[in-house]
């Protein structure tokens, strides 16, 4: 299991910047490719359901849990992205 997060300290405010500055280098550094079996799991945050995010995942044949299958904002289904 790999966990990745983008926090406000990074200064990124738009999804295209997050994709190009964080997600692409993250995947490249770990040598993920279409032959590997992994599932990209997100929560229902607006940035995760953005069309650009979903297009990025679809364009790279990344297996991910689709928004219609997510349990919305459920701490049981996704790791918390805030301090408890």
PDB file of N, CA and C in Angstrom:
ATOM      1  N   UNK A   1       0.849  -1.170   0.000  1.00  0.00           N
ATOM      2  CA  UNK A   1       0.000   0.000   0.000  1.00  0.00           C
ATOM      3  C   UNK A   1       0.896   1.235   0.000  1.00  0.00           C
ATOM      4  N   UNK A   2       0.525   2.184  -0.808  1.00  0.00           N
ATOM      5  CA  UNK A   2       1.244   3.453  -0.878  1.00  0.00           C
ATOM      6  C   UNK A   2       0.257   4.549  -0.545  1.00  0.00           C
ATOM      7  N   UNK A   3       0.655   5.463   0.318  1.00  0.00           N
ATOM      8  CA  UNK A   3      -0.219   6.585   0.654  1.00  0.00           C
ATOM      9  C   UNK A   3       0.449   7.857   0.179  1.00  0.00           C
ATOM     10  N   UNK A   4      -0.296   8.677  -0.509  1.00  0.00           N
ATOM     11  CA  UNK A   4       0.207   9.965  -0.962  1.00  0.00           C
ATOM     12  C   UNK A   4      -0.795  11.034  -0.574  1.00  0.00           C
ATOM     13  N   UNK A   5      -0.299  12.205  -0.266  1.00  0.00           N
ATOM     14  CA  UNK A   5      -1.183  13.303   0.110  1.00  0.00           C
ATOM     15  C   UNK A   5      -0.612  14.614  -0.396  1.00  0.00           C
ATOM     16  N   UNK A   6      -1.483  15.536  -0.638  1.00  0.00           N
ATOM     17  CA  UNK A   6      -1.085  16.883  -1.022  1.00  0.00           C
ATOM     18  C   UNK A   6      -1.611  17.803   0.068  1.00  0.00           C
ATOM     19  N   UNK A   7      -0.727  18.570   0.646  1.00  0.00           N
ATOM     20  CA  UNK A   7      -1.173  19.438   1.734  1.00  0.00           C
ATOM     21  C   UNK A   7      -1.097  20.908   1.334  1.00  0.00           C
ATOM     22  N   UNK A   8      -1.715  21.733   2.137  1.00  0.00           N
ATOM     23  CA  UNK A   8      -1.791  23.151   1.824  1.00  0.00           C
ATOM     24  C   UNK A   8      -0.423  23.830   1.869  1.00  0.00           C
ATOM     25  N   UNK A   9       0.531  23.270   2.560  1.00  0.00           N
ATOM     26  CA  UNK A   9       1.861  23.887   2.630  1.00  0.00           C
ATOM     27  C   UNK A   9       2.587  23.895   1.293  1.00  0.00           C
ATOM     28  N   UNK A  10       2.152  23.045   0.374  1.00  0.00           N
ATOM     29  CA  UNK A  10       2.788  22.982  -0.929  1.00  0.00           C
ATOM     30  C   UNK A  10       2.461  24.176  -1.812  1.00  0.00           C
ATOM     31  N   UNK A  11       1.461  24.933  -1.446  1.00  0.00           N
ATOM     32  CA  UNK A  11       1.105  26.116  -2.201  1.00  0.00           C
ATOM     33  C   UNK A  11       0.351  25.827  -3.492  1.00  0.00           C
ATOM     34  N   UNK A  12      -0.062  24.603  -3.719  1.00  0.00           N
ATOM     35  CA  UNK A  12      -0.788  24.263  -4.935  1.00  0.00           C
ATOM     36  C   UNK A  12      -2.271  24.516  -4.724  1.00  0.00           C
ATOM     37  N   UNK A  13      -2.877  25.189  -5.692  1.00  0.00           N
ATOM     38  CA  UNK A  13      -4.282  25.545  -5.521  1.00  0.00           C
ATOM     39  C   UNK A  13      -5.185  25.020  -6.620  1.00  0.00           C
ATOM     40  N   UNK A  14      -4.619  24.505  -7.690  1.00  0.00           N
ATOM     41  CA  UNK A  14      -5.479  24.018  -8.760  1.00  0.00           C
ATOM     42  C   UNK A  14      -5.095  22.593  -9.139  1.00  0.00           C
ATOM     43  N   UNK A  15      -6.067  21.841  -9.577  1.00  0.00           N
ATOM     44  CA  UNK A  15      -5.857  20.436  -9.884  1.00  0.00           C
ATOM     45  C   UNK A  15      -4.793  20.188 -10.951  1.00  0.00           C
ATOM     46  N   UNK A  16      -4.745  20.956 -12.048  1.00  0.00           N
ATOM     47  CA  UNK A  16      -3.677  20.691 -13.024  1.00  0.00           C
ATOM     48  C   UNK A  16      -2.282  20.812 -12.414  1.00  0.00           C
ATOM     49  N   UNK A  17      -2.087  21.756 -11.520  1.00  0.00           N
ATOM     50  CA  UNK A  17      -0.783  21.873 -10.880  1.00  0.00           C
ATOM     51  C   UNK A  17      -0.487  20.671  -9.999  1.00  0.00           C
ATOM     52  N   UNK A  18      -1.476  20.193  -9.288  1.00  0.00           N
ATOM     53  CA  UNK A  18      -1.277  19.021  -8.439  1.00  0.00           C
ATOM     54  C   UNK A  18      -0.910  17.813  -9.291  1.00  0.00           C
ATOM     55  N   UNK A  19      -1.607  17.634 -10.402  1.00  0.00           N
ATOM     56  CA  UNK A  19      -1.319  16.502 -11.280  1.00  0.00           C
ATOM     57  C   UNK A  19       0.108  16.585 -11.806  1.00  0.00           C
ATOM     58  N   UNK A  20       0.492  17.731 -12.342  1.00  0.00           N
ATOM     59  CA  UNK A  20       1.792  17.835 -12.988  1.00  0.00           C
ATOM     60  C   UNK A  20       2.957  17.979 -12.015  1.00  0.00           C
ATOM     61  N   UNK A  21       2.741  18.599 -10.880  1.00  0.00           N
ATOM     62  CA  UNK A  21       3.839  18.810  -9.939  1.00  0.00           C
ATOM     63  C   UNK A  21       3.947  17.743  -8.869  1.00  0.00           C
ATOM     64  N   UNK A  22       2.878  16.999  -8.603  1.00  0.00           N
ATOM     65  CA  UNK A  22       2.912  16.015  -7.531  1.00  0.00           C
ATOM     66  C   UNK A  22       2.643  14.585  -8.017  1.00  0.00           C
ATOM     67  N   UNK A  23       1.517  14.377  -8.687  1.00  0.00           N
ATOM     68  CA  UNK A  23       1.115  13.014  -9.021  1.00  0.00           C
ATOM     69  C   UNK A  23       2.007  12.377 -10.089  1.00  0.00           C
ATOM     70  N   UNK A  24       2.289  13.083 -11.169  1.00  0.00           N
ATOM     71  CA  UNK A  24       3.132  12.506 -12.219  1.00  0.00           C
ATOM     72  C   UNK A  24       4.520  12.139 -11.689  1.00  0.00           C
ATOM     73  N   UNK A  25       5.224  13.054 -10.992  1.00  0.00           N
ATOM     74  CA  UNK A  25       6.532  12.673 -10.456  1.00  0.00           C
ATOM     75  C   UNK A  25       6.443  11.523  -9.445  1.00  0.00           C
ATOM     76  N   UNK A  26       5.380  11.501  -8.646  1.00  0.00           N
ATOM     77  CA  UNK A  26       5.183  10.425  -7.664  1.00  0.00           C
ATOM     78  C   UNK A  26       5.103   9.074  -8.370  1.00  0.00           C
ATOM     79  N   UNK A  27       4.278   8.983  -9.416  1.00  0.00           N
ATOM     80  CA  UNK A  27       4.127   7.733 -10.144  1.00  0.00           C
ATOM     81  C   UNK A  27       5.408   7.352 -10.881  1.00  0.00           C
ATOM     82  N   UNK A  28       6.069   8.335 -11.473  1.00  0.00           N
ATOM     83  CA  UNK A  28       7.299   8.064 -12.218  1.00  0.00           C
ATOM     84  C   UNK A  28       8.412   7.573 -11.289  1.00  0.00           C
ATOM     85  N   UNK A  29       8.554   8.214 -10.137  1.00  0.00           N
ATOM     86  CA  UNK A  29       9.605   7.854  -9.182  1.00  0.00           C
ATOM     87  C   UNK A  29       9.449   6.410  -8.720  1.00  0.00           C
ATOM     88  N   UNK A  30       8.230   5.964  -8.588  1.00  0.00           N
ATOM     89  CA  UNK A  30       7.981   4.612  -8.107  1.00  0.00           C
ATOM     90  C   UNK A  30       7.827   3.607  -9.243  1.00  0.00           C
ATOM     91  N   UNK A  31       8.080   4.048 -10.464  1.00  0.00           N
ATOM     92  CA  UNK A  31       8.049   3.183 -11.643  1.00  0.00           C
ATOM     93  C   UNK A  31       6.726   2.433 -11.812  1.00  0.00           C
ATOM     94  N   UNK A  32       5.616   3.099 -11.478  1.00  0.00           N
ATOM     95  CA  UNK A  32       4.316   2.483 -11.715  1.00  0.00           C
ATOM     96  C   UNK A  32       4.065   2.450 -13.210  1.00  0.00           C
ATOM     97  N   UNK A  33       3.508   1.370 -13.683  1.00  0.00           N
ATOM     98  CA  UNK A  33       3.132   1.292 -15.086  1.00  0.00           C
ATOM     99  C   UNK A  33       1.852   0.471 -15.216  1.00  0.00           C
ATOM    100  N   UNK A  34       1.347   0.393 -16.409  1.00  0.00           N
ATOM    101  CA  UNK A  34       0.054  -0.260 -16.637  1.00  0.00           C
ATOM    102  C   UNK A  34       0.089  -1.755 -16.323  1.00  0.00           C
ATOM    103  N   UNK A  35       1.281  -2.363 -16.297  1.00  0.00           N
ATOM    104  CA  UNK A  35       1.376  -3.796 -16.028  1.00  0.00           C
ATOM    105  C   UNK A  35       1.275  -4.125 -14.542  1.00  0.00           C
ATOM    106  N   UNK A  36       1.523  -3.145 -13.691  1.00  0.00           N
ATOM    107  CA  UNK A  36       1.455  -3.387 -12.253  1.00  0.00           C
ATOM    108  C   UNK A  36       0.010  -3.367 -11.783  1.00  0.00           C
ATOM    109  N   UNK A  37      -0.260  -4.121 -10.744  1.00  0.00           N
ATOM    110  CA  UNK A  37      -1.616  -4.163 -10.203  1.00  0.00           C
ATOM    111  C   UNK A  37      -1.680  -3.315  -8.943  1.00  0.00           C
ATOM    112  N   UNK A  38      -2.337  -2.183  -9.044  1.00  0.00           N
ATOM    113  CA  UNK A  38      -2.596  -1.334  -7.891  1.00  0.00           C
ATOM    114  C   UNK A  38      -3.872  -0.565  -8.152  1.00  0.00           C
ATOM    115  N   UNK A  39      -4.500  -0.133  -7.087  1.00  0.00           N
ATOM    116  CA  UNK A  39      -5.753   0.620  -7.191  1.00  0.00           C
ATOM    117  C   UNK A  39      -5.520   1.971  -6.539  1.00  0.00           C
ATOM    118  N   UNK A  40      -5.841   3.021  -7.261  1.00  0.00           N
ATOM    119  CA  UNK A  40      -5.710   4.383  -6.776  1.00  0.00           C
ATOM    120  C   UNK A  40      -7.012   4.740  -6.066  1.00  0.00           C
ATOM    121  N   UNK A  41      -6.949   4.889  -4.741  1.00  0.00           N
ATOM    122  CA  UNK A  41      -8.151   5.168  -3.956  1.00  0.00           C
ATOM    123  C   UNK A  41      -8.135   6.604  -3.453  1.00  0.00           C
ATOM    124  N   UNK A  42      -9.232   7.282  -3.642  1.00  0.00           N
ATOM    125  CA  UNK A  42      -9.371   8.671  -3.211  1.00  0.00           C
ATOM    126  C   UNK A  42     -10.646   8.787  -2.390  1.00  0.00           C
ATOM    127  N   UNK A  43     -10.809   9.928  -1.730  1.00  0.00           N
ATOM    128  CA  UNK A  43     -12.088  10.166  -1.076  1.00  0.00           C
ATOM    129  C   UNK A  43     -12.930  11.052  -1.989  1.00  0.00           C
ATOM    130  N   UNK A  44     -13.996  11.596  -1.487  1.00  0.00           N
ATOM    131  CA  UNK A  44     -14.909  12.372  -2.329  1.00  0.00           C
ATOM    132  C   UNK A  44     -14.622  13.865  -2.326  1.00  0.00           C
ATOM    133  N   UNK A  45     -13.423  14.253  -2.000  1.00  0.00           N
ATOM    134  CA  UNK A  45     -13.061  15.668  -2.025  1.00  0.00           C
ATOM    135  C   UNK A  45     -13.252  16.212  -3.441  1.00  0.00           C
ATOM    136  N   UNK A  46     -13.691  17.460  -3.583  1.00  0.00           N
ATOM    137  CA  UNK A  46     -13.929  18.023  -4.915  1.00  0.00           C
ATOM    138  C   UNK A  46     -12.727  17.905  -5.867  1.00  0.00           C
ATOM    139  N   UNK A  47     -11.528  18.064  -5.357  1.00  0.00           N
ATOM    140  CA  UNK A  47     -10.346  17.951  -6.227  1.00  0.00           C
ATOM    141  C   UNK A  47     -10.183  16.537  -6.768  1.00  0.00           C
ATOM    142  N   UNK A  48     -10.641  15.541  -6.033  1.00  0.00           N
ATOM    143  CA  UNK A  48     -10.507  14.157  -6.465  1.00  0.00           C
ATOM    144  C   UNK A  48     -11.566  13.759  -7.477  1.00  0.00           C
ATOM    145  N   UNK A  49     -12.677  14.469  -7.490  1.00  0.00           N
ATOM    146  CA  UNK A  49     -13.745  14.163  -8.442  1.00  0.00           C
ATOM    147  C   UNK A  49     -13.718  15.095  -9.655  1.00  0.00           C
ATOM    148  N   UNK A  50     -12.727  15.965  -9.710  1.00  0.00           N
ATOM    149  CA  UNK A  50     -12.618  16.907 -10.822  1.00  0.00           C
ATOM    150  C   UNK A  50     -12.403  16.158 -12.139  1.00  0.00           C
ATOM    151  N   UNK A  51     -12.940  16.697 -13.205  1.00  0.00           N
ATOM    152  CA  UNK A  51     -12.810  16.070 -14.518  1.00  0.00           C
ATOM    153  C   UNK A  51     -11.346  15.877 -14.909  1.00  0.00           C
ATOM    154  N   UNK A  52     -10.490  16.852 -14.618  1.00  0.00           N
ATOM    155  CA  UNK A  52      -9.068  16.735 -14.965  1.00  0.00           C
ATOM    156  C   UNK A  52      -8.433  15.551 -14.247  1.00  0.00           C
ATOM    157  N   UNK A  53      -8.791  15.351 -13.002  1.00  0.00           N
ATOM    158  CA  UNK A  53      -8.245  14.230 -12.241  1.00  0.00           C
ATOM    159  C   UNK A  53      -8.685  12.907 -12.849  1.00  0.00           C
ATOM    160  N   UNK A  54      -9.970  12.790 -13.152  1.00  0.00           N
ATOM    161  CA  UNK A  54     -10.493  11.553 -13.717  1.00  0.00           C
ATOM    162  C   UNK A  54      -9.952  11.314 -15.124  1.00  0.00           C
ATOM    163  N   UNK A  55      -9.793  12.368 -15.916  1.00  0.00           N
ATOM    164  CA  UNK A  55      -9.221  12.240 -17.261  1.00  0.00           C
ATOM    165  C   UNK A  55      -7.769  11.770 -17.169  1.00  0.00           C
ATOM    166  N   UNK A  56      -7.023  12.323 -16.205  1.00  0.00           N
ATOM    167  CA  UNK A  56      -5.635  11.914 -16.016  1.00  0.00           C
ATOM    168  C   UNK A  56      -5.568  10.414 -15.718  1.00  0.00           C
ATOM    169  N   UNK A  57      -6.409   9.953 -14.813  1.00  0.00           N
ATOM    170  CA  UNK A  57      -6.415   8.535 -14.442  1.00  0.00           C
ATOM    171  C   UNK A  57      -6.822   7.650 -15.611  1.00  0.00           C
ATOM    172  N   UNK A  58      -7.869   8.049 -16.319  1.00  0.00           N
ATOM    173  CA  UNK A  58      -8.337   7.266 -17.465  1.00  0.00           C
ATOM    174  C   UNK A  58      -7.303   7.224 -18.576  1.00  0.00           C
ATOM    175  N   UNK A  59      -6.638   8.349 -18.823  1.00  0.00           N
ATOM    176  CA  UNK A  59      -5.650   8.435 -19.900  1.00  0.00           C
ATOM    177  C   UNK A  59      -4.419   7.587 -19.666  1.00  0.00           C
ATOM    178  N   UNK A  60      -4.150   7.233 -18.422  1.00  0.00           N
ATOM    179  CA  UNK A  60      -2.979   6.425 -18.098  1.00  0.00           C
ATOM    180  C   UNK A  60      -3.351   5.006 -17.704  1.00  0.00           C
ATOM    181  N   UNK A  61      -4.595   4.659 -17.929  1.00  0.00           N
ATOM    182  CA  UNK A  61      -5.099   3.329 -17.611  1.00  0.00           C
ATOM    183  C   UNK A  61      -4.834   2.958 -16.153  1.00  0.00           C
ATOM    184  N   UNK A  62      -5.004   3.940 -15.276  1.00  0.00           N
ATOM    185  CA  UNK A  62      -4.864   3.709 -13.843  1.00  0.00           C
ATOM    186  C   UNK A  62      -6.177   3.114 -13.334  1.00  0.00           C
ATOM    187  N   UNK A  63      -6.071   2.024 -12.608  1.00  0.00           N
ATOM    188  CA  UNK A  63      -7.263   1.438 -11.999  1.00  0.00           C
ATOM    189  C   UNK A  63      -7.581   2.245 -10.758  1.00  0.00           C
ATOM    190  N   UNK A  64      -8.787   2.729 -10.666  1.00  0.00           N
ATOM    191  CA  UNK A  64      -9.175   3.505  -9.501  1.00  0.00           C
ATOM    192  C   UNK A  64     -10.630   3.230  -9.164  1.00  0.00           C
ATOM    193  N   UNK A  65     -10.970   3.505  -7.923  1.00  0.00           N
ATOM    194  CA  UNK A  65     -12.353   3.337  -7.487  1.00  0.00           C
ATOM    195  C   UNK A  65     -13.126   4.559  -7.960  1.00  0.00           C
ATOM    196  N   UNK A  66     -14.112   4.341  -8.793  1.00  0.00           N
ATOM    197  CA  UNK A  66     -14.860   5.449  -9.394  1.00  0.00           C
ATOM    198  C   UNK A  66     -15.718   6.170  -8.346  1.00  0.00           C
ATOM    199  N   UNK A  67     -15.953   7.475  -8.535  1.00  0.00           N
ATOM    200  CA  UNK A  67     -16.720   8.249  -7.554  1.00  0.00           C
ATOM    201  C   UNK A  67     -18.079   7.631  -7.203  1.00  0.00           C
ATOM    202  N   UNK A  68     -18.728   7.008  -8.159  1.00  0.00           N
ATOM    203  CA  UNK A  68     -20.030   6.397  -7.881  1.00  0.00           C
ATOM    204  C   UNK A  68     -19.915   5.200  -6.936  1.00  0.00           C
ATOM    205  N   UNK A  69     -18.703   4.654  -6.775  1.00  0.00           N
ATOM    206  CA  UNK A  69     -18.486   3.506  -5.909  1.00  0.00           C
ATOM    207  C   UNK A  69     -17.964   3.898  -4.522  1.00  0.00           C
ATOM    208  N   UNK A  70     -17.582   5.164  -4.344  1.00  0.00           N
ATOM    209  CA  UNK A  70     -17.028   5.607  -3.069  1.00  0.00           C
ATOM    210  C   UNK A  70     -18.119   5.730  -2.021  1.00  0.00           C
ATOM    211  N   UNK A  71     -17.738   5.517  -0.797  1.00  0.00           N
ATOM    212  CA  UNK A  71     -18.614   5.837   0.321  1.00  0.00           C
ATOM    213  C   UNK A  71     -18.284   7.282   0.678  1.00  0.00           C
ATOM    214  N   UNK A  72     -19.165   8.224   0.430  1.00  0.00           N
ATOM    215  CA  UNK A  72     -18.831   9.640   0.555  1.00  0.00           C
ATOM    216  C   UNK A  72     -18.306  10.045   1.926  1.00  0.00           C
ATOM    217  N   UNK A  73     -17.116  10.613   1.912  1.00  0.00           N
ATOM    218  CA  UNK A  73     -16.471  11.174   3.099  1.00  0.00           C
ATOM    219  C   UNK A  73     -16.430  10.189   4.267  1.00  0.00           C
ATOM    220  N   UNK A  74     -16.280   8.922   3.981  1.00  0.00           N
ATOM    221  CA  UNK A  74     -16.288   7.908   5.030  1.00  0.00           C
ATOM    222  C   UNK A  74     -14.890   7.639   5.551  1.00  0.00           C
ATOM    223  N   UNK A  75     -14.646   7.820   6.850  1.00  0.00           N
ATOM    224  CA  UNK A  75     -13.330   7.502   7.404  1.00  0.00           C
ATOM    225  C   UNK A  75     -13.062   5.994   7.406  1.00  0.00           C
ATOM    226  N   UNK A  76     -14.102   5.186   7.228  1.00  0.00           N
ATOM    227  CA  UNK A  76     -13.914   3.742   7.155  1.00  0.00           C
ATOM    228  C   UNK A  76     -13.333   3.312   5.809  1.00  0.00           C
ATOM    229  N   UNK A  77     -13.562   4.106   4.770  1.00  0.00           N
ATOM    230  CA  UNK A  77     -13.149   3.726   3.428  1.00  0.00           C
ATOM    231  C   UNK A  77     -11.874   4.430   2.966  1.00  0.00           C
ATOM    232  N   UNK A  78     -11.546   5.541   3.557  1.00  0.00           N
ATOM    233  CA  UNK A  78     -10.365   6.292   3.147  1.00  0.00           C
ATOM    234  C   UNK A  78      -9.640   6.816   4.386  1.00  0.00           C
ATOM    235  N   UNK A  79      -8.324   6.939   4.254  1.00  0.00           N
ATOM    236  CA  UNK A  79      -7.553   7.482   5.363  1.00  0.00           C
ATOM    237  C   UNK A  79      -7.940   8.934   5.615  1.00  0.00           C
ATOM    238  N   UNK A  80      -7.904   9.339   6.852  1.00  0.00           N
ATOM    239  CA  UNK A  80      -8.239  10.721   7.197  1.00  0.00           C
ATOM    240  C   UNK A  80      -7.146  11.658   6.698  1.00  0.00           C
ATOM    241  N   UNK A  81      -7.549  12.793   6.147  1.00  0.00           N
ATOM    242  CA  UNK A  81      -6.577  13.779   5.679  1.00  0.00           C
ATOM    243  C   UNK A  81      -6.597  15.007   6.581  1.00  0.00           C
ATOM    244  N   UNK A  82      -6.881  14.777   7.865  1.00  0.00           N
ATOM    245  CA  UNK A  82      -6.902  15.858   8.837  1.00  0.00           C
ATOM    246  C   UNK A  82      -6.520  15.271  10.187  1.00  0.00           C
ATOM    247  N   UNK A  83      -6.147  16.151  11.098  1.00  0.00           N
ATOM    248  CA  UNK A  83      -5.764  15.698  12.438  1.00  0.00           C
ATOM    249  C   UNK A  83      -7.001  15.345  13.235  1.00  0.00           C
ATOM    250  N   UNK A  84      -6.989  14.221  13.885  1.00  0.00           N
ATOM    251  CA  UNK A  84      -8.127  13.787  14.704  1.00  0.00           C
ATOM    252  C   UNK A  84      -7.944  14.242  16.135  1.00  0.00           C
TER     253      UNK A  84
END
